[in-house]
Amino acid sequence: MTDKELLELAANAAGCSYSQVEDIWNPLTDDGDALRLAVKLNIVVWECAQYNRAMAFVRHGSASGEYWELVGEDPCAATRRAIVKAAAEIGKQNAGK
């Protein structure tokens, strides 16, 4: 899935269309946007140093689960991406309603 597709689905999960926020909102690159998205969607986040991964956990219907991202050199980027991946799954579920 492309970054744009992830962001479109995450925006859907947050209750807005991506076209409304495209130029001012990017939780893949902005820590504040990612944190607000996690809080709004009740996504639990942590870094698992043992596995060198960031993880976002969500309970939301069929989107329930753990979304992992390899940390690499930037644990913040991995954490943001894990949040957006979890939000995108919620967005997919919402789109099906």
PDB file of N, CA and C in Angstrom:
ATOM      1  N   MET A   1       0.847  -1.171   0.000  1.00  0.00           N
ATOM      2  CA  MET A   1       0.000   0.000   0.000  1.00  0.00           C
ATOM      3  C   MET A   1       0.895   1.237   0.000  1.00  0.00           C
ATOM      4  N   THR A   2       0.545   2.229  -0.810  1.00  0.00           N
ATOM      5  CA  THR A   2       1.356   3.447  -0.878  1.00  0.00           C
ATOM      6  C   THR A   2       1.103   4.328   0.337  1.00  0.00           C
ATOM      7  N   ASP A   3       2.007   5.283   0.556  1.00  0.00           N
ATOM      8  CA  ASP A   3       1.807   6.235   1.653  1.00  0.00           C
ATOM      9  C   ASP A   3       0.503   7.002   1.477  1.00  0.00           C
ATOM     10  N   LYS A   4       0.206   7.404   0.247  1.00  0.00           N
ATOM     11  CA  LYS A   4      -1.031   8.158   0.003  1.00  0.00           C
ATOM     12  C   LYS A   4      -2.255   7.314   0.349  1.00  0.00           C
ATOM     13  N   GLU A   5      -2.236   6.047  -0.022  1.00  0.00           N
ATOM     14  CA  GLU A   5      -3.363   5.176   0.306  1.00  0.00           C
ATOM     15  C   GLU A   5      -3.504   5.010   1.816  1.00  0.00           C
ATOM     16  N   LEU A   6      -2.378   4.841   2.508  1.00  0.00           N
ATOM     17  CA  LEU A   6      -2.419   4.757   3.973  1.00  0.00           C
ATOM     18  C   LEU A   6      -3.032   6.015   4.573  1.00  0.00           C
ATOM     19  N   LEU A   7      -2.588   7.179   4.085  1.00  0.00           N
ATOM     20  CA  LEU A   7      -3.091   8.446   4.614  1.00  0.00           C
ATOM     21  C   LEU A   7      -4.571   8.644   4.302  1.00  0.00           C
ATOM     22  N   GLU A   8      -5.002   8.247   3.129  1.00  0.00           N
ATOM     23  CA  GLU A   8      -6.424   8.361   2.775  1.00  0.00           C
ATOM     24  C   GLU A   8      -7.283   7.523   3.709  1.00  0.00           C
ATOM     25  N   LEU A   9      -6.860   6.291   3.956  1.00  0.00           N
ATOM     26  CA  LEU A   9      -7.621   5.417   4.849  1.00  0.00           C
ATOM     27  C   LEU A   9      -7.558   5.897   6.290  1.00  0.00           C
ATOM     28  N   ALA A  10      -6.401   6.397   6.718  1.00  0.00           N
ATOM     29  CA  ALA A  10      -6.275   6.926   8.082  1.00  0.00           C
ATOM     30  C   ALA A  10      -7.161   8.150   8.264  1.00  0.00           C
ATOM     31  N   ALA A  11      -7.232   8.999   7.257  1.00  0.00           N
ATOM     32  CA  ALA A  11      -8.119  10.165   7.330  1.00  0.00           C
ATOM     33  C   ALA A  11      -9.565   9.712   7.446  1.00  0.00           C
ATOM     34  N   ASN A  12      -9.937   8.687   6.693  1.00  0.00           N
ATOM     35  CA  ASN A  12     -11.287   8.135   6.784  1.00  0.00           C
ATOM     36  C   ASN A  12     -11.567   7.662   8.207  1.00  0.00           C
ATOM     37  N   ALA A  13     -10.617   6.986   8.810  1.00  0.00           N
ATOM     38  CA  ALA A  13     -10.781   6.507  10.180  1.00  0.00           C
ATOM     39  C   ALA A  13     -10.958   7.656  11.158  1.00  0.00           C
ATOM     40  N   ALA A  14     -10.293   8.778  10.865  1.00  0.00           N
ATOM     41  CA  ALA A  14     -10.381   9.955  11.737  1.00  0.00           C
ATOM     42  C   ALA A  14     -11.646  10.767  11.486  1.00  0.00           C
ATOM     43  N   GLY A  15     -12.412  10.367  10.475  1.00  0.00           N
ATOM     44  CA  GLY A  15     -13.690  11.033  10.231  1.00  0.00           C
ATOM     45  C   GLY A  15     -13.633  12.169   9.242  1.00  0.00           C
ATOM     46  N   CYS A  16     -12.647  12.209   8.396  1.00  0.00           N
ATOM     47  CA  CYS A  16     -12.575  13.260   7.383  1.00  0.00           C
ATOM     48  C   CYS A  16     -12.036  12.673   6.083  1.00  0.00           C
ATOM     49  N   SER A  17     -12.169  13.427   5.020  1.00  0.00           N
ATOM     50  CA  SER A  17     -11.617  12.963   3.755  1.00  0.00           C
ATOM     51  C   SER A  17     -10.192  13.491   3.629  1.00  0.00           C
ATOM     52  N   TYR A  18      -9.370  12.735   2.943  1.00  0.00           N
ATOM     53  CA  TYR A  18      -7.973  13.124   2.785  1.00  0.00           C
ATOM     54  C   TYR A  18      -7.860  14.434   2.016  1.00  0.00           C
ATOM     55  N   SER A  19      -8.762  14.687   1.102  1.00  0.00           N
ATOM     56  CA  SER A  19      -8.695  15.933   0.334  1.00  0.00           C
ATOM     57  C   SER A  19      -8.879  17.156   1.233  1.00  0.00           C
ATOM     58  N   GLN A  20      -9.562  16.988   2.361  1.00  0.00           N
ATOM     59  CA  GLN A  20      -9.751  18.098   3.302  1.00  0.00           C
ATOM     60  C   GLN A  20      -8.466  18.443   4.046  1.00  0.00           C
ATOM     61  N   VAL A  21      -7.600  17.477   4.257  1.00  0.00           N
ATOM     62  CA  VAL A  21      -6.430  17.676   5.116  1.00  0.00           C
ATOM     63  C   VAL A  21      -5.102  17.438   4.413  1.00  0.00           C
ATOM     64  N   GLU A  22      -5.145  17.162   3.128  1.00  0.00           N
ATOM     65  CA  GLU A  22      -3.967  16.729   2.376  1.00  0.00           C
ATOM     66  C   GLU A  22      -2.754  17.641   2.539  1.00  0.00           C
ATOM     67  N   ASP A  23      -2.958  18.935   2.562  1.00  0.00           N
ATOM     68  CA  ASP A  23      -1.821  19.867   2.614  1.00  0.00           C
ATOM     69  C   ASP A  23      -1.381  20.233   4.023  1.00  0.00           C
ATOM     70  N   ILE A  24      -2.160  19.834   5.039  1.00  0.00           N
ATOM     71  CA  ILE A  24      -1.840  20.273   6.402  1.00  0.00           C
ATOM     72  C   ILE A  24      -1.695  19.137   7.403  1.00  0.00           C
ATOM     73  N   TRP A  25      -1.913  17.904   6.979  1.00  0.00           N
ATOM     74  CA  TRP A  25      -1.947  16.777   7.913  1.00  0.00           C
ATOM     75  C   TRP A  25      -1.154  15.616   7.335  1.00  0.00           C
ATOM     76  N   ASN A  26      -0.159  15.156   8.067  1.00  0.00           N
ATOM     77  CA  ASN A  26       0.592  13.989   7.617  1.00  0.00           C
ATOM     78  C   ASN A  26       1.163  13.252   8.829  1.00  0.00           C
ATOM     79  N   PRO A  27       0.412  12.315   9.371  1.00  0.00           N
ATOM     80  CA  PRO A  27       0.896  11.578  10.540  1.00  0.00           C
ATOM     81  C   PRO A  27       2.067  10.644  10.239  1.00  0.00           C
ATOM     82  N   LEU A  28       2.409  10.467   8.973  1.00  0.00           N
ATOM     83  CA  LEU A  28       3.608   9.690   8.652  1.00  0.00           C
ATOM     84  C   LEU A  28       4.880  10.489   8.897  1.00  0.00           C
ATOM     85  N   THR A  29       4.778  11.812   8.874  1.00  0.00           N
ATOM     86  CA  THR A  29       5.960  12.654   9.051  1.00  0.00           C
ATOM     87  C   THR A  29       5.879  13.575  10.259  1.00  0.00           C
ATOM     88  N   ASP A  30       4.700  13.743  10.829  1.00  0.00           N
ATOM     89  CA  ASP A  30       4.511  14.689  11.927  1.00  0.00           C
ATOM     90  C   ASP A  30       4.124  13.948  13.206  1.00  0.00           C
ATOM     91  N   ASP A  31       4.974  14.049  14.233  1.00  0.00           N
ATOM     92  CA  ASP A  31       4.707  13.360  15.499  1.00  0.00           C
ATOM     93  C   ASP A  31       3.372  13.782  16.112  1.00  0.00           C
ATOM     94  N   GLY A  32       3.080  15.079  16.070  1.00  0.00           N
ATOM     95  CA  GLY A  32       1.835  15.579  16.662  1.00  0.00           C
ATOM     96  C   GLY A  32       0.609  15.020  15.960  1.00  0.00           C
ATOM     97  N   ASP A  33       0.626  15.004  14.638  1.00  0.00           N
ATOM     98  CA  ASP A  33      -0.495  14.434  13.880  1.00  0.00           C
ATOM     99  C   ASP A  33      -0.667  12.954  14.217  1.00  0.00           C
ATOM    100  N   ALA A  34       0.439  12.232  14.316  1.00  0.00           N
ATOM    101  CA  ALA A  34       0.374  10.804  14.629  1.00  0.00           C
ATOM    102  C   ALA A  34      -0.178  10.578  16.037  1.00  0.00           C
ATOM    103  N   LEU A  35       0.268  11.371  17.002  1.00  0.00           N
ATOM    104  CA  LEU A  35      -0.221  11.219  18.365  1.00  0.00           C
ATOM    105  C   LEU A  35      -1.709  11.535  18.446  1.00  0.00           C
ATOM    106  N   ARG A  36      -2.137  12.616  17.805  1.00  0.00           N
ATOM    107  CA  ARG A  36      -3.565  12.955  17.822  1.00  0.00           C
ATOM    108  C   ARG A  36      -4.400  11.850  17.177  1.00  0.00           C
ATOM    109  N   LEU A  37      -3.893  11.262  16.100  1.00  0.00           N
ATOM    110  CA  LEU A  37      -4.591  10.162  15.441  1.00  0.00           C
ATOM    111  C   LEU A  37      -4.698   8.963  16.384  1.00  0.00           C
ATOM    112  N   ALA A  38      -3.613   8.630  17.051  1.00  0.00           N
ATOM    113  CA  ALA A  38      -3.628   7.504  17.990  1.00  0.00           C
ATOM    114  C   ALA A  38      -4.610   7.741  19.125  1.00  0.00           C
ATOM    115  N   VAL A  39      -4.626   8.945  19.663  1.00  0.00           N
ATOM    116  CA  VAL A  39      -5.540   9.259  20.765  1.00  0.00           C
ATOM    117  C   VAL A  39      -6.989   9.186  20.291  1.00  0.00           C
ATOM    118  N   LYS A  40      -7.274   9.779  19.144  1.00  0.00           N
ATOM    119  CA  LYS A  40      -8.648   9.796  18.625  1.00  0.00           C
ATOM    120  C   LYS A  40      -9.182   8.388  18.393  1.00  0.00           C
ATOM    121  N   LEU A  41      -8.307   7.483  17.937  1.00  0.00           N
ATOM    122  CA  LEU A  41      -8.745   6.136  17.574  1.00  0.00           C
ATOM    123  C   LEU A  41      -8.439   5.089  18.648  1.00  0.00           C
ATOM    124  N   ASN A  42      -7.990   5.542  19.816  1.00  0.00           N
ATOM    125  CA  ASN A  42      -7.678   4.635  20.928  1.00  0.00           C
ATOM    126  C   ASN A  42      -6.646   3.580  20.541  1.00  0.00           C
ATOM    127  N   ILE A  43      -5.614   4.026  19.853  1.00  0.00           N
ATOM    128  CA  ILE A  43      -4.526   3.141  19.444  1.00  0.00           C
ATOM    129  C   ILE A  43      -3.444   3.177  20.520  1.00  0.00           C
ATOM    130  N   VAL A  44      -3.062   2.010  21.000  1.00  0.00           N
ATOM    131  CA  VAL A  44      -2.006   1.894  22.003  1.00  0.00           C
ATOM    132  C   VAL A  44      -0.693   1.682  21.259  1.00  0.00           C
ATOM    133  N   VAL A  45       0.333   2.408  21.663  1.00  0.00           N
ATOM    134  CA  VAL A  45       1.597   2.385  20.930  1.00  0.00           C
ATOM    135  C   VAL A  45       2.750   2.095  21.883  1.00  0.00           C
ATOM    136  N   TRP A  46       3.684   1.288  21.415  1.00  0.00           N
ATOM    137  CA  TRP A  46       4.944   1.158  22.137  1.00  0.00           C
ATOM    138  C   TRP A  46       6.027   0.632  21.219  1.00  0.00           C
ATOM    139  N   GLU A  47       7.251   0.849  21.660  1.00  0.00           N
ATOM    140  CA  GLU A  47       8.404   0.327  20.935  1.00  0.00           C
ATOM    141  C   GLU A  47       8.875  -0.922  21.661  1.00  0.00           C
ATOM    142  N   CYS A  48       9.086  -1.952  20.913  1.00  0.00           N
ATOM    143  CA  CYS A  48       9.549  -3.216  21.479  1.00  0.00           C
ATOM    144  C   CYS A  48      11.025  -3.375  21.128  1.00  0.00           C
ATOM    145  N   ALA A  49      11.887  -2.923  22.014  1.00  0.00           N
ATOM    146  CA  ALA A  49      13.329  -2.941  21.759  1.00  0.00           C
ATOM    147  C   ALA A  49      13.843  -4.360  21.540  1.00  0.00           C
ATOM    148  N   GLN A  50      13.247  -5.324  22.199  1.00  0.00           N
ATOM    149  CA  GLN A  50      13.678  -6.715  22.066  1.00  0.00           C
ATOM    150  C   GLN A  50      13.603  -7.179  20.608  1.00  0.00           C
ATOM    151  N   TYR A  51      12.613  -6.700  19.876  1.00  0.00           N
ATOM    152  CA  TYR A  51      12.423  -7.104  18.484  1.00  0.00           C
ATOM    153  C   TYR A  51      12.766  -5.997  17.493  1.00  0.00           C
ATOM    154  N   ASN A  52      13.270  -4.868  17.993  1.00  0.00           N
ATOM    155  CA  ASN A  52      13.635  -3.729  17.158  1.00  0.00           C
ATOM    156  C   ASN A  52      12.459  -3.276  16.288  1.00  0.00           C
ATOM    157  N   ARG A  53      11.286  -3.201  16.906  1.00  0.00           N
ATOM    158  CA  ARG A  53      10.076  -2.835  16.182  1.00  0.00           C
ATOM    159  C   ARG A  53       9.217  -1.897  17.026  1.00  0.00           C
ATOM    160  N   ALA A  54       8.459  -1.080  16.324  1.00  0.00           N
ATOM    161  CA  ALA A  54       7.410  -0.282  16.959  1.00  0.00           C
ATOM    162  C   ALA A  54       6.096  -1.007  16.699  1.00  0.00           C
ATOM    163  N   MET A  55       5.157  -0.868  17.622  1.00  0.00           N
ATOM    164  CA  MET A  55       3.902  -1.576  17.487  1.00  0.00           C
ATOM    165  C   MET A  55       2.741  -0.676  17.873  1.00  0.00           C
ATOM    166  N   ALA A  56       1.687  -0.767  17.092  1.00  0.00           N
ATOM    167  CA  ALA A  56       0.434  -0.082  17.416  1.00  0.00           C
ATOM    168  C   ALA A  56      -0.620  -1.166  17.579  1.00  0.00           C
ATOM    169  N   PHE A  57      -1.374  -1.084  18.647  1.00  0.00           N
ATOM    170  CA  PHE A  57      -2.412  -2.072  18.938  1.00  0.00           C
ATOM    171  C   PHE A  57      -3.753  -1.365  18.964  1.00  0.00           C
ATOM    172  N   VAL A  58      -4.722  -1.987  18.307  1.00  0.00           N
ATOM    173  CA  VAL A  58      -6.055  -1.391  18.266  1.00  0.00           C
ATOM    174  C   VAL A  58      -7.101  -2.490  18.401  1.00  0.00           C
ATOM    175  N   ARG A  59      -8.198  -2.161  19.053  1.00  0.00           N
ATOM    176  CA  ARG A  59      -9.373  -3.029  19.102  1.00  0.00           C
ATOM    177  C   ARG A  59     -10.499  -2.268  18.428  1.00  0.00           C
ATOM    178  N   HIS A  60     -10.819  -2.687  17.231  1.00  0.00           N
ATOM    179  CA  HIS A  60     -11.866  -1.996  16.478  1.00  0.00           C
ATOM    180  C   HIS A  60     -12.407  -2.947  15.419  1.00  0.00           C
ATOM    181  N   GLY A  61     -13.324  -3.801  15.798  1.00  0.00           N
ATOM    182  CA  GLY A  61     -13.915  -4.738  14.851  1.00  0.00           C
ATOM    183  C   GLY A  61     -12.873  -5.588  14.148  1.00  0.00           C
ATOM    184  N   SER A  62     -13.000  -5.680  12.829  1.00  0.00           N
ATOM    185  CA  SER A  62     -12.065  -6.501  12.059  1.00  0.00           C
ATOM    186  C   SER A  62     -10.669  -5.889  11.960  1.00  0.00           C
ATOM    187  N   ALA A  63     -10.538  -4.625  12.357  1.00  0.00           N
ATOM    188  CA  ALA A  63      -9.220  -3.975  12.351  1.00  0.00           C
ATOM    189  C   ALA A  63      -8.428  -4.292  13.614  1.00  0.00           C
ATOM    190  N   SER A  64      -9.032  -5.016  14.544  1.00  0.00           N
ATOM    191  CA  SER A  64      -8.359  -5.334  15.801  1.00  0.00           C
ATOM    192  C   SER A  64      -7.074  -6.103  15.538  1.00  0.00           C
ATOM    193  N   GLY A  65      -6.040  -5.699  16.240  1.00  0.00           N
ATOM    194  CA  GLY A  65      -4.785  -6.421  16.101  1.00  0.00           C
ATOM    195  C   GLY A  65      -3.575  -5.560  16.385  1.00  0.00           C
ATOM    196  N   GLU A  66      -2.429  -6.139  16.091  1.00  0.00           N
ATOM    197  CA  GLU A  66      -1.145  -5.475  16.286  1.00  0.00           C
ATOM    198  C   GLU A  66      -0.565  -5.127  14.925  1.00  0.00           C
ATOM    199  N   TYR A  67      -0.048  -3.931  14.816  1.00  0.00           N
ATOM    200  CA  TYR A  67       0.553  -3.448  13.570  1.00  0.00           C
ATOM    201  C   TYR A  67       1.996  -3.076  13.866  1.00  0.00           C
ATOM    202  N   TRP A  68       2.920  -3.862  13.328  1.00  0.00           N
ATOM    203  CA  TRP A  68       4.339  -3.751  13.625  1.00  0.00           C
ATOM    204  C   TRP A  68       5.077  -3.031  12.505  1.00  0.00           C
ATOM    205  N   GLU A  69       6.122  -2.337  12.882  1.00  0.00           N
ATOM    206  CA  GLU A  69       6.984  -1.666  11.908  1.00  0.00           C
ATOM    207  C   GLU A  69       8.420  -1.775  12.408  1.00  0.00           C
ATOM    208  N   LEU A  70       9.328  -2.196  11.537  1.00  0.00           N
ATOM    209  CA  LEU A  70      10.742  -2.297  11.870  1.00  0.00           C
ATOM    210  C   LEU A  70      11.286  -0.909  12.194  1.00  0.00           C
ATOM    211  N   VAL A  71      12.017  -0.785  13.292  1.00  0.00           N
ATOM    212  CA  VAL A  71      12.506   0.518  13.734  1.00  0.00           C
ATOM    213  C   VAL A  71      13.593   1.062  12.826  1.00  0.00           C
ATOM    214  N   GLY A  72      14.587   0.285  12.493  1.00  0.00           N
ATOM    215  CA  GLY A  72      15.675   0.804  11.675  1.00  0.00           C
ATOM    216  C   GLY A  72      16.405   1.925  12.390  1.00  0.00           C
ATOM    217  N   GLU A  73      16.671   3.013  11.671  1.00  0.00           N
ATOM    218  CA  GLU A  73      17.427   4.131  12.242  1.00  0.00           C
ATOM    219  C   GLU A  73      16.558   5.175  12.927  1.00  0.00           C
ATOM    220  N   ASP A  74      15.245   5.139  12.715  1.00  0.00           N
ATOM    221  CA  ASP A  74      14.381   6.189  13.245  1.00  0.00           C
ATOM    222  C   ASP A  74      13.168   5.589  13.961  1.00  0.00           C
ATOM    223  N   PRO A  75      13.264   5.425  15.289  1.00  0.00           N
ATOM    224  CA  PRO A  75      12.150   4.834  16.018  1.00  0.00           C
ATOM    225  C   PRO A  75      10.877   5.685  15.952  1.00  0.00           C
ATOM    226  N   CYS A  76      11.025   6.998  15.831  1.00  0.00           N
ATOM    227  CA  CYS A  76       9.836   7.858  15.729  1.00  0.00           C
ATOM    228  C   CYS A  76       9.102   7.608  14.412  1.00  0.00           C
ATOM    229  N   ALA A  77       9.840   7.492  13.321  1.00  0.00           N
ATOM    230  CA  ALA A  77       9.216   7.220  12.017  1.00  0.00           C
ATOM    231  C   ALA A  77       8.522   5.867  12.032  1.00  0.00           C
ATOM    232  N   ALA A  78       9.142   4.883  12.646  1.00  0.00           N
ATOM    233  CA  ALA A  78       8.532   3.551  12.722  1.00  0.00           C
ATOM    234  C   ALA A  78       7.261   3.588  13.551  1.00  0.00           C
ATOM    235  N   THR A  79       7.277   4.332  14.639  1.00  0.00           N
ATOM    236  CA  THR A  79       6.097   4.447  15.486  1.00  0.00           C
ATOM    237  C   THR A  79       4.969   5.158  14.753  1.00  0.00           C
ATOM    238  N   ARG A  80       5.290   6.240  14.053  1.00  0.00           N
ATOM    239  CA  ARG A  80       4.265   6.950  13.275  1.00  0.00           C
ATOM    240  C   ARG A  80       3.648   6.028  12.230  1.00  0.00           C
ATOM    241  N   ARG A  81       4.493   5.269  11.530  1.00  0.00           N
ATOM    242  CA  ARG A  81       3.999   4.372  10.481  1.00  0.00           C
ATOM    243  C   ARG A  81       3.117   3.276  11.079  1.00  0.00           C
ATOM    244  N   ALA A  82       3.489   2.739  12.232  1.00  0.00           N
ATOM    245  CA  ALA A  82       2.658   1.724  12.884  1.00  0.00           C
ATOM    246  C   ALA A  82       1.287   2.300  13.234  1.00  0.00           C
ATOM    247  N   ILE A  83       1.258   3.523  13.725  1.00  0.00           N
ATOM    248  CA  ILE A  83      -0.016   4.195  14.038  1.00  0.00           C
ATOM    249  C   ILE A  83      -0.856   4.345  12.777  1.00  0.00           C
ATOM    250  N   VAL A  84      -0.245   4.822  11.714  1.00  0.00           N
ATOM    251  CA  VAL A  84      -0.989   5.043  10.467  1.00  0.00           C
ATOM    252  C   VAL A  84      -1.476   3.721   9.886  1.00  0.00           C
ATOM    253  N   LYS A  85      -0.682   2.666   9.985  1.00  0.00           N
ATOM    254  CA  LYS A  85      -1.120   1.362   9.500  1.00  0.00           C
ATOM    255  C   LYS A  85      -2.352   0.881  10.272  1.00  0.00           C
ATOM    256  N   ALA A  86      -2.337   1.045  11.588  1.00  0.00           N
ATOM    257  CA  ALA A  86      -3.497   0.653  12.400  1.00  0.00           C
ATOM    258  C   ALA A  86      -4.714   1.496  12.032  1.00  0.00           C
ATOM    259  N   ALA A  87      -4.509   2.801  11.894  1.00  0.00           N
ATOM    260  CA  ALA A  87      -5.614   3.698  11.523  1.00  0.00           C
ATOM    261  C   ALA A  87      -6.155   3.353  10.138  1.00  0.00           C
ATOM    262  N   ALA A  88      -5.273   3.005   9.218  1.00  0.00           N
ATOM    263  CA  ALA A  88      -5.707   2.649   7.867  1.00  0.00           C
ATOM    264  C   ALA A  88      -6.599   1.419   7.888  1.00  0.00           C
ATOM    265  N   GLU A  89      -6.306   0.470   8.732  1.00  0.00           N
ATOM    266  CA  GLU A  89      -7.155  -0.715   8.839  1.00  0.00           C
ATOM    267  C   GLU A  89      -8.532  -0.338   9.367  1.00  0.00           C
ATOM    268  N   ILE A  90      -8.586   0.601  10.304  1.00  0.00           N
ATOM    269  CA  ILE A  90      -9.881   1.097  10.787  1.00  0.00           C
ATOM    270  C   ILE A  90     -10.607   1.796   9.646  1.00  0.00           C
ATOM    271  N   GLY A  91      -9.862   2.591   8.876  1.00  0.00           N
ATOM    272  CA  GLY A  91     -10.448   3.278   7.735  1.00  0.00           C
ATOM    273  C   GLY A  91     -11.018   2.309   6.704  1.00  0.00           C
ATOM    274  N   LYS A  92     -10.321   1.204   6.449  1.00  0.00           N
ATOM    275  CA  LYS A  92     -10.820   0.176   5.539  1.00  0.00           C
ATOM    276  C   LYS A  92     -12.143  -0.388   6.045  1.00  0.00           C
ATOM    277  N   GLN A  93     -12.171  -0.660   7.351  1.00  0.00           N
ATOM    278  CA  GLN A  93     -13.381  -1.214   7.960  1.00  0.00           C
ATOM    279  C   GLN A  93     -14.527  -0.211   7.842  1.00  0.00           C
ATOM    280  N   ASN A  94     -14.239   1.062   8.094  1.00  0.00           N
ATOM    281  CA  ASN A  94     -15.283   2.096   8.006  1.00  0.00           C
ATOM    282  C   ASN A  94     -15.784   2.262   6.579  1.00  0.00           C
ATOM    283  N   ALA A  95     -14.890   2.118   5.601  1.00  0.00           N
ATOM    284  CA  ALA A  95     -15.277   2.279   4.209  1.00  0.00           C
ATOM    285  C   ALA A  95     -16.234   1.186   3.764  1.00  0.00           C
ATOM    286  N   GLY A  96     -16.154   0.037   4.416  1.00  0.00           N
ATOM    287  CA  GLY A  96     -17.024  -1.063   4.061  1.00  0.00           C
ATOM    288  C   GLY A  96     -18.425  -0.955   4.624  1.00  0.00           C
ATOM    289  N   LYS A  97     -18.673   0.048   5.439  1.00  0.00           N
ATOM    290  CA  LYS A  97     -20.008   0.200   6.071  1.00  0.00           C
ATOM    291  C   LYS A  97     -20.946   0.973   5.177  1.00  0.00           C
TER     292      LYS A  97
END
